[in-house]
N, C-alpha and C. Protein backbone atom coordinates (compact mmCIF):
# COMPACT_ATOMS: atom_id res chain seq x y z
N UNK A 1 -40.80 17.01 63.87
CA UNK A 1 -41.96 16.82 62.58
C UNK A 1 -41.37 17.97 62.11
N UNK A 2 -40.51 17.48 60.40
CA UNK A 2 -39.81 18.45 59.71
C UNK A 2 -41.33 18.45 58.68
N UNK A 3 -41.13 19.49 57.50
CA UNK A 3 -42.39 20.29 56.82
C UNK A 3 -41.50 20.39 55.72
N UNK A 4 -42.48 20.60 54.15
CA UNK A 4 -42.11 20.72 53.00
C UNK A 4 -41.41 22.32 53.22
N UNK A 5 -41.87 23.02 54.08
CA UNK A 5 -41.23 24.62 54.30
C UNK A 5 -40.11 24.06 54.95
N UNK A 6 -39.90 23.63 56.02
CA UNK A 6 -38.38 23.62 56.54
C UNK A 6 -37.48 22.62 55.88
N UNK A 7 -37.78 21.80 55.12
CA UNK A 7 -37.02 21.60 53.85
C UNK A 7 -36.48 22.28 53.10
N UNK A 8 -37.66 23.24 52.55
CA UNK A 8 -36.58 24.23 51.65
C UNK A 8 -36.04 25.32 52.05
N UNK A 9 -36.70 25.89 53.03
CA UNK A 9 -35.43 26.69 54.16
C UNK A 9 -33.73 25.75 54.50
N UNK A 10 -34.17 24.57 54.60
CA UNK A 10 -32.43 24.33 55.10
C UNK A 10 -31.61 24.21 53.47
N UNK A 11 -32.75 23.52 52.17
CA UNK A 11 -31.57 23.83 51.25
C UNK A 11 -31.31 25.48 50.45
N UNK A 12 -32.31 26.41 50.88
CA UNK A 12 -31.68 27.95 50.85
C UNK A 12 -31.18 28.24 51.18
N UNK A 13 -30.53 27.68 52.92
CA UNK A 13 -29.56 27.95 53.60
C UNK A 13 -28.04 27.22 53.23
N UNK A 14 -28.57 25.94 52.79
CA UNK A 14 -26.69 25.27 52.06
C UNK A 14 -26.39 26.27 51.32
N UNK A 15 -27.82 26.50 50.25
CA UNK A 15 -27.00 27.04 49.04
C UNK A 15 -26.68 28.73 49.29
N UNK A 16 -26.86 29.51 50.04
CA UNK A 16 -27.12 30.80 50.24
C UNK A 16 -26.90 31.00 51.37
N UNK A 17 -26.33 30.63 52.61
CA UNK A 17 -26.30 31.03 53.71
C UNK A 17 -26.04 31.86 53.91
N UNK A 18 -25.89 32.88 53.23
CA UNK A 18 -25.66 34.60 53.66
C UNK A 18 -27.25 35.59 53.68
N UNK A 19 -28.30 34.48 53.23
CA UNK A 19 -29.58 35.07 53.52
C UNK A 19 -30.38 35.20 54.30
N UNK A 20 -31.44 35.60 54.30
CA UNK A 20 -32.05 35.53 55.61
C UNK A 20 -33.38 35.26 55.48
N UNK A 21 -33.51 34.30 55.50
CA UNK A 21 -34.95 33.48 55.28
C UNK A 21 -36.03 33.28 56.31
N UNK A 22 -35.93 34.25 57.09
CA UNK A 22 -36.92 34.04 58.18
C UNK A 22 -38.04 34.66 57.88
N UNK A 23 -38.82 35.58 56.48
CA UNK A 23 -39.40 36.18 56.37
C UNK A 23 -40.56 34.90 55.08
N UNK A 24 -39.40 34.58 54.50
CA UNK A 24 -39.78 32.89 53.56
C UNK A 24 -40.26 32.27 54.76
N UNK A 25 -39.66 31.97 55.29
CA UNK A 25 -40.46 30.88 56.55
C UNK A 25 -41.83 30.91 56.61
N UNK A 26 -42.24 32.31 56.65
CA UNK A 26 -43.58 32.61 57.46
C UNK A 26 -44.59 32.80 56.35
N UNK A 27 -44.00 33.69 55.00
CA UNK A 27 -44.91 33.71 54.03
C UNK A 27 -45.12 32.21 53.37
N UNK A 28 -44.10 31.49 53.10
CA UNK A 28 -44.45 30.28 52.47
C UNK A 28 -45.67 29.45 53.43
N UNK A 29 -45.33 29.61 54.05
CA UNK A 29 -45.97 28.90 55.65
C UNK A 29 -47.92 28.94 54.94
N UNK A 30 -47.88 30.90 55.08
CA UNK A 30 -49.16 31.03 55.43
C UNK A 30 -49.88 30.74 53.59
N UNK A 31 -48.91 30.76 52.55
CA UNK A 31 -49.52 30.50 51.51
C UNK A 31 -49.42 28.96 51.42
N UNK A 32 -49.06 28.11 51.73
CA UNK A 32 -48.98 26.24 52.27
C UNK A 32 -50.69 26.21 53.02
N UNK A 33 -50.44 27.09 54.09
CA UNK A 33 -51.97 26.55 54.44
C UNK A 33 -53.41 27.32 53.93
N UNK A 34 -52.82 28.13 53.24
CA UNK A 34 -53.81 29.04 52.69
C UNK A 34 -54.49 28.21 51.26
N UNK A 35 -53.81 27.61 50.91
CA UNK A 35 -54.08 26.50 49.54
C UNK A 35 -54.71 25.29 50.28
N UNK A 36 -54.44 24.68 51.18
CA UNK A 36 -54.82 23.85 52.31
C UNK A 36 -56.36 24.15 52.46
N UNK A 37 -56.28 25.22 53.24
CA UNK A 37 -57.66 26.08 53.97
C UNK A 37 -59.08 25.97 52.19
N UNK A 38 -58.07 26.41 51.23
CA UNK A 38 -59.03 27.03 50.12
C UNK A 38 -59.61 25.75 49.96
N UNK A 39 -58.81 24.54 49.21
CA UNK A 39 -59.39 23.42 48.64
C UNK A 39 -60.54 22.61 49.58
N UNK A 40 -60.28 22.49 51.18
CA UNK A 40 -61.13 21.86 51.70
C UNK A 40 -62.74 22.98 52.15
N UNK A 41 -62.71 24.39 52.13
CA UNK A 41 -63.40 25.49 51.67
C UNK A 41 -64.12 24.92 50.32
N UNK A 42 -63.68 24.83 49.14
CA UNK A 42 -64.45 24.40 47.80
C UNK A 42 -64.48 23.26 47.96
N UNK A 43 -64.73 22.27 48.73
CA UNK A 43 -64.79 21.26 48.93
C UNK A 43 -66.55 20.87 49.73
N UNK A 44 -66.73 21.64 50.77
CA UNK A 44 -67.94 22.19 51.70
C UNK A 44 -68.76 22.97 50.10
N UNK A 45 -68.16 24.03 49.94
CA UNK A 45 -68.76 24.69 49.32
C UNK A 45 -69.83 24.18 47.98
N UNK A 46 -68.79 22.80 46.95
CA UNK A 46 -69.21 22.56 46.54
C UNK A 46 -70.46 21.29 46.38
N UNK A 47 -70.29 20.88 47.69
CA UNK A 47 -71.84 20.22 48.26
C UNK A 47 -73.17 20.59 48.21
N UNK A 48 -72.73 22.43 47.98
CA UNK A 48 -74.07 23.58 47.76
C UNK A 48 -74.14 24.12 46.46
N UNK A 49 -73.41 23.34 45.30
CA UNK A 49 -73.56 23.70 44.53
C UNK A 49 -72.95 25.20 43.94
N UNK A 50 -71.85 25.54 44.91
CA UNK A 50 -71.50 27.01 45.17
C UNK A 50 -70.14 27.14 45.14
N UNK A 51 -69.57 28.20 44.20
CA UNK A 51 -68.16 28.41 43.96
C UNK A 51 -67.65 29.53 45.39
N UNK A 52 -66.89 29.43 45.35
CA UNK A 52 -66.23 30.71 46.05
C UNK A 52 -66.86 32.06 46.00
N UNK A 53 -66.01 31.98 44.46
CA UNK A 53 -66.71 33.76 44.32
C UNK A 53 -68.35 33.60 44.37
N UNK A 54 -69.16 32.82 44.01
CA UNK A 54 -70.58 33.04 44.67
C UNK A 54 -70.50 33.47 45.75
N UNK A 55 -69.77 32.92 46.76
CA UNK A 55 -70.44 32.74 48.01
C UNK A 55 -70.15 34.09 48.67
N UNK A 56 -68.84 34.34 48.09
CA UNK A 56 -68.33 36.19 48.71
C UNK A 56 -69.15 37.02 48.03
N UNK A 57 -69.82 37.31 46.57
CA UNK A 57 -70.32 38.06 46.84
C UNK A 57 -72.28 37.96 47.41
N UNK A 58 -72.81 36.62 47.06
CA UNK A 58 -74.22 36.44 48.54
C UNK A 58 -73.59 37.03 49.83
N UNK A 59 -72.38 36.44 50.59
CA UNK A 59 -72.50 36.94 52.14
C UNK A 59 -72.23 38.45 51.93
N UNK A 60 -71.67 39.72 50.85
CA UNK A 60 -71.48 40.63 51.31
C UNK A 60 -72.95 40.65 51.65
N UNK A 61 -73.78 41.07 50.48
CA UNK A 61 -75.20 40.94 50.47
C UNK A 61 -75.74 40.88 52.09
N UNK A 62 -75.45 39.36 52.16
CA UNK A 62 -76.08 38.97 53.34
C UNK A 62 -75.88 39.81 54.80
N UNK A 63 -74.59 39.79 54.58
CA UNK A 63 -73.61 40.94 55.88
C UNK A 63 -74.19 42.19 56.43
N UNK A 64 -75.60 42.94 54.79
CA UNK A 64 -75.48 43.92 55.31
C UNK A 64 -76.93 43.78 56.09
N UNK A 65 -77.80 42.82 56.08
CA UNK A 65 -78.80 43.11 56.98
C UNK A 65 -79.92 43.21 55.91
N UNK A 66 -81.05 43.20 56.01
CA UNK A 66 -82.52 42.93 55.05
C UNK A 66 -82.17 44.78 55.26
N UNK A 67 -82.80 44.97 53.99
CA UNK A 67 -82.86 43.99 52.75
C UNK A 67 -82.12 43.49 51.97
N UNK A 68 -80.87 43.16 52.64
CA UNK A 68 -79.91 41.93 51.71
C UNK A 68 -79.27 42.96 50.50
N UNK A 69 -79.16 43.99 50.16
CA UNK A 69 -78.52 45.25 49.19
C UNK A 69 -77.32 45.56 49.12
N UNK A 70 -77.15 45.91 48.00
CA UNK A 70 -75.76 47.10 47.83
C UNK A 70 -75.97 47.82 46.04
N UNK A 71 -75.35 49.12 46.39
CA UNK A 71 -74.76 49.11 45.19
C UNK A 71 -73.84 48.04 44.44
N UNK A 72 -74.54 48.51 43.12
CA UNK A 72 -73.52 47.37 42.38
C UNK A 72 -72.06 47.93 42.34
N UNK A 73 -72.39 49.48 42.89
CA UNK A 73 -70.31 49.32 42.60
C UNK A 73 -69.93 49.70 43.91
N UNK A 74 -70.44 49.64 45.71
CA UNK A 74 -70.14 48.75 46.43
C UNK A 74 -70.02 47.61 46.57
N UNK A 75 -70.62 46.67 46.10
CA UNK A 75 -70.53 45.42 46.24
C UNK A 75 -69.00 44.52 45.71
N UNK A 76 -68.66 45.23 44.10
CA UNK A 76 -67.32 45.45 43.40
C UNK A 76 -66.49 45.72 44.24
N UNK A 77 -66.45 46.77 45.31
CA UNK A 77 -65.77 47.06 46.59
C UNK A 77 -65.16 45.88 47.21
N UNK A 78 -66.21 45.87 47.84
CA UNK A 78 -66.46 44.60 48.60
C UNK A 78 -65.82 43.59 48.68
N UNK A 79 -65.86 43.30 47.02
CA UNK A 79 -65.12 41.86 46.42
C UNK A 79 -63.90 42.03 46.19
N UNK A 80 -63.56 43.27 46.45
CA UNK A 80 -62.41 44.38 45.19
C UNK A 80 -61.94 44.08 44.24
N UNK A 81 -63.62 43.80 42.91
CA UNK A 81 -63.21 43.49 41.57
C UNK A 81 -63.39 45.14 41.24
N UNK A 82 -63.23 44.43 39.87
CA UNK A 82 -63.74 45.93 38.89
C UNK A 82 -65.07 45.77 38.58
N UNK A 83 -65.79 47.26 38.13
CA UNK A 83 -67.13 47.02 37.87
C UNK A 83 -67.59 45.45 36.64
N UNK A 84 -66.66 45.85 35.74
CA UNK A 84 -66.92 45.09 34.58
C UNK A 84 -66.76 43.69 35.59
N UNK A 85 -66.11 42.84 36.12
CA UNK A 85 -66.13 41.92 36.69
C UNK A 85 -67.15 41.68 37.45
N UNK A 86 -67.47 42.31 38.00
CA UNK A 86 -68.91 42.39 39.02
C UNK A 86 -70.01 42.25 38.70
N UNK A 87 -70.56 42.88 37.29
CA UNK A 87 -71.07 42.82 36.25
C UNK A 87 -71.31 41.35 36.00
N UNK A 88 -70.72 40.97 35.26
CA UNK A 88 -70.19 39.64 35.20
C UNK A 88 -71.10 39.13 36.11
N UNK A 89 -70.43 38.39 37.50
CA UNK A 89 -70.93 37.87 38.47
C UNK A 89 -72.20 37.90 39.13
N UNK A 90 -72.43 39.06 38.72
CA UNK A 90 -74.02 39.41 39.14
C UNK A 90 -74.76 38.87 37.69
N UNK A 91 -74.14 38.83 36.53
CA UNK A 91 -75.37 38.54 35.75
C UNK A 91 -75.74 36.82 36.11
N UNK A 92 -74.42 36.25 36.28
CA UNK A 92 -74.55 34.67 36.47
C UNK A 92 -74.99 34.34 37.81
N UNK A 93 -75.19 35.23 38.85
CA UNK A 93 -75.76 34.61 39.65
C UNK A 93 -77.19 35.26 39.80
N UNK A 94 -77.42 35.98 38.85
CA UNK A 94 -79.40 36.41 38.08
C UNK A 94 -80.35 35.21 37.79
N UNK A 95 -79.09 34.71 36.71
CA UNK A 95 -79.36 33.50 36.22
C UNK A 95 -79.67 32.35 36.85
N UNK A 96 -79.29 32.51 38.01
CA UNK A 96 -78.74 30.93 38.93
C UNK A 96 -80.41 31.17 40.00
N UNK A 97 -81.23 32.32 39.99
CA UNK A 97 -81.86 33.43 40.63
C UNK A 97 -81.55 33.34 41.98
N UNK A 98 -80.61 33.82 42.31
CA UNK A 98 -79.85 34.21 43.56
C UNK A 98 -79.76 35.69 44.11
N UNK A 99 -79.91 36.25 42.76
CA UNK A 99 -79.52 37.91 43.39
C UNK A 99 -80.71 38.39 42.06
N UNK A 100 -81.16 39.75 42.31
CA UNK A 100 -82.16 40.70 41.41
C UNK A 100 -81.33 42.13 41.87
N UNK A 101 -80.99 42.74 40.37
CA UNK A 101 -81.40 44.24 40.15
C UNK A 101 -82.70 44.54 40.33
N UNK A 102 -82.24 45.99 40.96
CA UNK A 102 -83.29 47.23 41.19
C UNK A 102 -82.77 48.41 40.61
N UNK A 103 -83.44 49.42 40.22
CA UNK A 103 -83.09 50.74 39.68
C UNK A 103 -82.32 51.47 41.16
N UNK A 104 -81.36 52.00 41.24
CA UNK A 104 -80.66 52.68 42.69
C UNK A 104 -81.93 54.08 42.70
N UNK A 105 -82.17 54.22 43.62
CA UNK A 105 -82.95 55.61 43.59
C UNK A 105 -82.14 56.94 43.74
N UNK A 106 -81.23 56.66 44.25
CA UNK A 106 -80.03 57.67 44.62
C UNK A 106 -79.08 57.89 43.34
N UNK A 107 -79.14 57.18 42.31
CA UNK A 107 -77.97 56.56 41.40
C UNK A 107 -78.78 56.57 40.06
N UNK A 108 -79.35 57.56 39.07
CA UNK A 108 -80.17 57.20 37.81
C UNK A 108 -79.54 56.40 36.74
N UNK A 109 -78.30 56.17 37.08
CA UNK A 109 -77.09 55.10 36.47
C UNK A 109 -76.98 54.07 37.11
N UNK A 110 -77.26 53.99 38.42
CA UNK A 110 -76.83 52.68 39.09
C UNK A 110 -77.56 51.75 39.23
N UNK A 111 -77.12 50.60 39.88
CA UNK A 111 -78.20 49.40 40.17
C UNK A 111 -77.91 49.18 41.43
N UNK A 112 -78.77 48.53 42.38
CA UNK A 112 -78.94 47.69 43.46
C UNK A 112 -79.22 46.34 43.23
N UNK A 113 -78.13 45.38 43.89
CA UNK A 113 -77.94 43.93 43.73
C UNK A 113 -78.87 43.37 45.58
N UNK A 114 -79.69 42.94 45.26
CA UNK A 114 -80.24 41.91 46.46
C UNK A 114 -80.47 41.07 46.20
N UNK A 115 -80.30 39.88 47.47
CA UNK A 115 -80.75 38.79 47.80
C UNK A 115 -81.75 38.68 47.59
N UNK A 116 -81.80 36.93 46.42
CA UNK A 116 -83.32 36.46 46.51
C UNK A 116 -83.85 36.17 47.79
N UNK A 117 -84.84 35.43 48.06
CA UNK A 117 -84.77 34.65 49.15
C UNK A 117 -84.47 33.40 48.88
N UNK A 118 -83.98 32.99 47.69
CA UNK A 118 -83.35 31.48 47.58
C UNK A 118 -81.40 32.06 47.94
N UNK A 119 -81.17 33.17 47.31
CA UNK A 119 -79.95 33.16 47.72
C UNK A 119 -79.83 33.37 49.11
N UNK A 120 -80.43 34.01 50.10
CA UNK A 120 -80.63 34.38 51.70
C UNK A 120 -80.51 32.85 51.99
N UNK A 121 -81.09 31.83 51.15
CA UNK A 121 -80.82 30.38 52.51
C UNK A 121 -79.88 29.81 51.89
N UNK A 122 -79.30 29.51 50.79
CA UNK A 122 -77.81 29.45 50.19
C UNK A 122 -76.61 29.62 50.70
N UNK A 123 -76.73 31.11 50.89
CA UNK A 123 -75.74 31.76 51.97
C UNK A 123 -75.88 31.29 53.22
N UNK A 124 -76.59 31.41 53.62
CA UNK A 124 -77.18 30.89 55.19
C UNK A 124 -76.38 29.51 55.69
N UNK A 125 -76.55 28.63 54.46
CA UNK A 125 -76.30 27.04 54.79
C UNK A 125 -74.76 27.35 54.46
N UNK A 126 -74.30 28.46 53.42
CA UNK A 126 -73.03 28.35 52.97
C UNK A 126 -72.27 29.06 54.43
N UNK A 127 -72.50 29.36 54.94
CA UNK A 127 -71.67 29.89 56.55
C UNK A 127 -72.08 28.96 57.20
N UNK A 128 -72.71 27.84 57.55
CA UNK A 128 -72.46 27.61 58.19
C UNK A 128 -71.58 26.43 58.15
N UNK A 129 -71.75 25.96 56.57
CA UNK A 129 -70.83 24.97 56.47
C UNK A 129 -68.91 25.31 56.47
N UNK A 130 -68.88 26.75 55.96
CA UNK A 130 -67.82 27.38 56.05
C UNK A 130 -67.01 27.30 57.62
N UNK A 131 -68.02 27.94 58.19
CA UNK A 131 -67.80 28.23 59.90
C UNK A 131 -67.47 26.52 60.61
N UNK A 132 -68.08 25.69 59.97
CA UNK A 132 -67.83 24.26 60.49
C UNK A 132 -66.82 24.16 60.20
N UNK A 133 -65.95 23.89 58.72
CA UNK A 133 -64.98 23.60 57.97
C UNK A 133 -63.40 24.36 58.40
N UNK A 134 -63.88 25.38 59.08
CA UNK A 134 -62.68 26.53 59.84
C UNK A 134 -62.63 26.09 61.05
N UNK A 135 -63.61 25.60 61.58
CA UNK A 135 -63.72 25.17 63.38
C UNK A 135 -62.25 23.64 63.28
N UNK A 136 -63.49 23.07 62.46
CA UNK A 136 -62.42 21.19 62.07
C UNK A 136 -61.26 21.42 62.04
N UNK A 137 -60.96 22.91 61.00
CA UNK A 137 -59.82 22.92 60.60
C UNK A 137 -59.02 23.47 61.76
N UNK A 138 -58.95 23.82 62.57
CA UNK A 138 -58.54 24.52 63.78
C UNK A 138 -58.98 24.23 64.62
N UNK A 139 -59.41 23.06 64.98
CA UNK A 139 -59.36 21.93 66.28
C UNK A 139 -58.63 21.42 67.16
N UNK A 140 -57.00 21.86 66.30
CA UNK A 140 -56.08 21.57 67.04
C UNK A 140 -55.27 22.58 67.74
N UNK A 141 -56.02 23.90 67.47
CA UNK A 141 -55.04 25.00 67.94
C UNK A 141 -56.09 25.71 69.50
N UNK A 142 -55.05 25.72 70.23
CA UNK A 142 -56.05 26.64 71.67
C UNK A 142 -56.12 27.90 70.97
N UNK A 143 -57.50 28.67 71.91
CA UNK A 143 -58.04 29.52 71.94
C UNK A 143 -56.99 30.90 71.77
N UNK A 144 -56.26 30.69 72.60
CA UNK A 144 -55.00 31.75 72.49
C UNK A 144 -53.99 31.84 71.10
N UNK A 145 -54.10 30.66 70.82
CA UNK A 145 -53.18 29.99 69.38
C UNK A 145 -54.31 30.95 68.02
N UNK A 146 -55.32 30.65 68.21
CA UNK A 146 -56.08 30.89 67.22
C UNK A 146 -56.11 32.39 67.29
N UNK A 147 -55.91 32.94 68.81
CA UNK A 147 -55.69 34.37 68.89
C UNK A 147 -54.38 34.98 68.23
N UNK A 148 -53.58 34.48 68.47
CA UNK A 148 -52.47 35.14 68.25
C UNK A 148 -52.05 34.60 67.12
N UNK A 149 -52.42 34.16 66.29
CA UNK A 149 -52.03 34.08 64.94
C UNK A 149 -53.21 35.00 64.40
N UNK A 150 -53.97 34.99 64.76
CA UNK A 150 -55.22 36.10 64.31
C UNK A 150 -54.82 37.40 64.14
N UNK A 151 -54.28 37.76 65.63
CA UNK A 151 -53.64 39.32 65.32
C UNK A 151 -52.37 39.11 64.67
N UNK A 152 -51.65 38.47 64.47
CA UNK A 152 -50.38 38.26 63.13
C UNK A 152 -50.46 38.87 61.96
N UNK A 153 -51.66 37.98 61.86
CA UNK A 153 -51.84 37.97 60.09
C UNK A 153 -52.67 39.62 60.22
N UNK A 154 -53.47 39.71 61.37
CA UNK A 154 -54.36 41.30 60.88
C UNK A 154 -53.15 42.35 60.78
N UNK A 155 -52.25 42.13 61.87
CA UNK A 155 -50.90 43.44 61.69
C UNK A 155 -50.57 43.06 60.16
N UNK A 156 -50.02 42.01 59.76
CA UNK A 156 -49.03 42.01 58.58
C UNK A 156 -50.11 42.45 57.02
N UNK A 157 -51.45 42.20 57.45
CA UNK A 157 -52.70 42.88 56.52
C UNK A 157 -53.36 44.19 56.68
N UNK A 158 -52.97 44.60 57.66
CA UNK A 158 -52.87 46.11 58.05
C UNK A 158 -51.94 46.78 57.27
N UNK A 159 -50.56 46.55 57.70
CA UNK A 159 -49.17 47.01 57.07
C UNK A 159 -49.28 46.90 56.04
N UNK A 160 -49.29 46.21 55.16
CA UNK A 160 -48.74 45.71 53.54
C UNK A 160 -50.49 46.09 52.76
N UNK A 161 -51.09 46.46 53.15
CA UNK A 161 -52.81 47.10 52.60
C UNK A 161 -53.74 46.22 51.79
């Protein structure tokens, strides 16, 4: 069975046969799969009235364990965001009643961001939805295939930073 990437690579090999397209073979497939996976995840989160950026912040807090909080600066680092972008996201999540801000007793200028009960309940539903989607998306792969792909992608991630 030939897919879009096979056609793309065949076209480049005809037009520029001197080029090594083996890297593009992997990268283009990862990018295509990422788009497809994201669409399905977005659909699952839509049913909970949740966006992926909201899920990212809420899940970072939930993974900390009780009391489900982090300093805003650490939350920004966990989410790979600037402090300004994180402030905007915290504001929006606070408006929805999903997080609260508390003064950081260890940093007079800082704040701790904490999940509310409503936020915890929502993110618990969201992780179940997200795991369900992921397992359905990968159902055609064996455990060994999943592990091999995961290890390869992990290696790329670690080496490219």
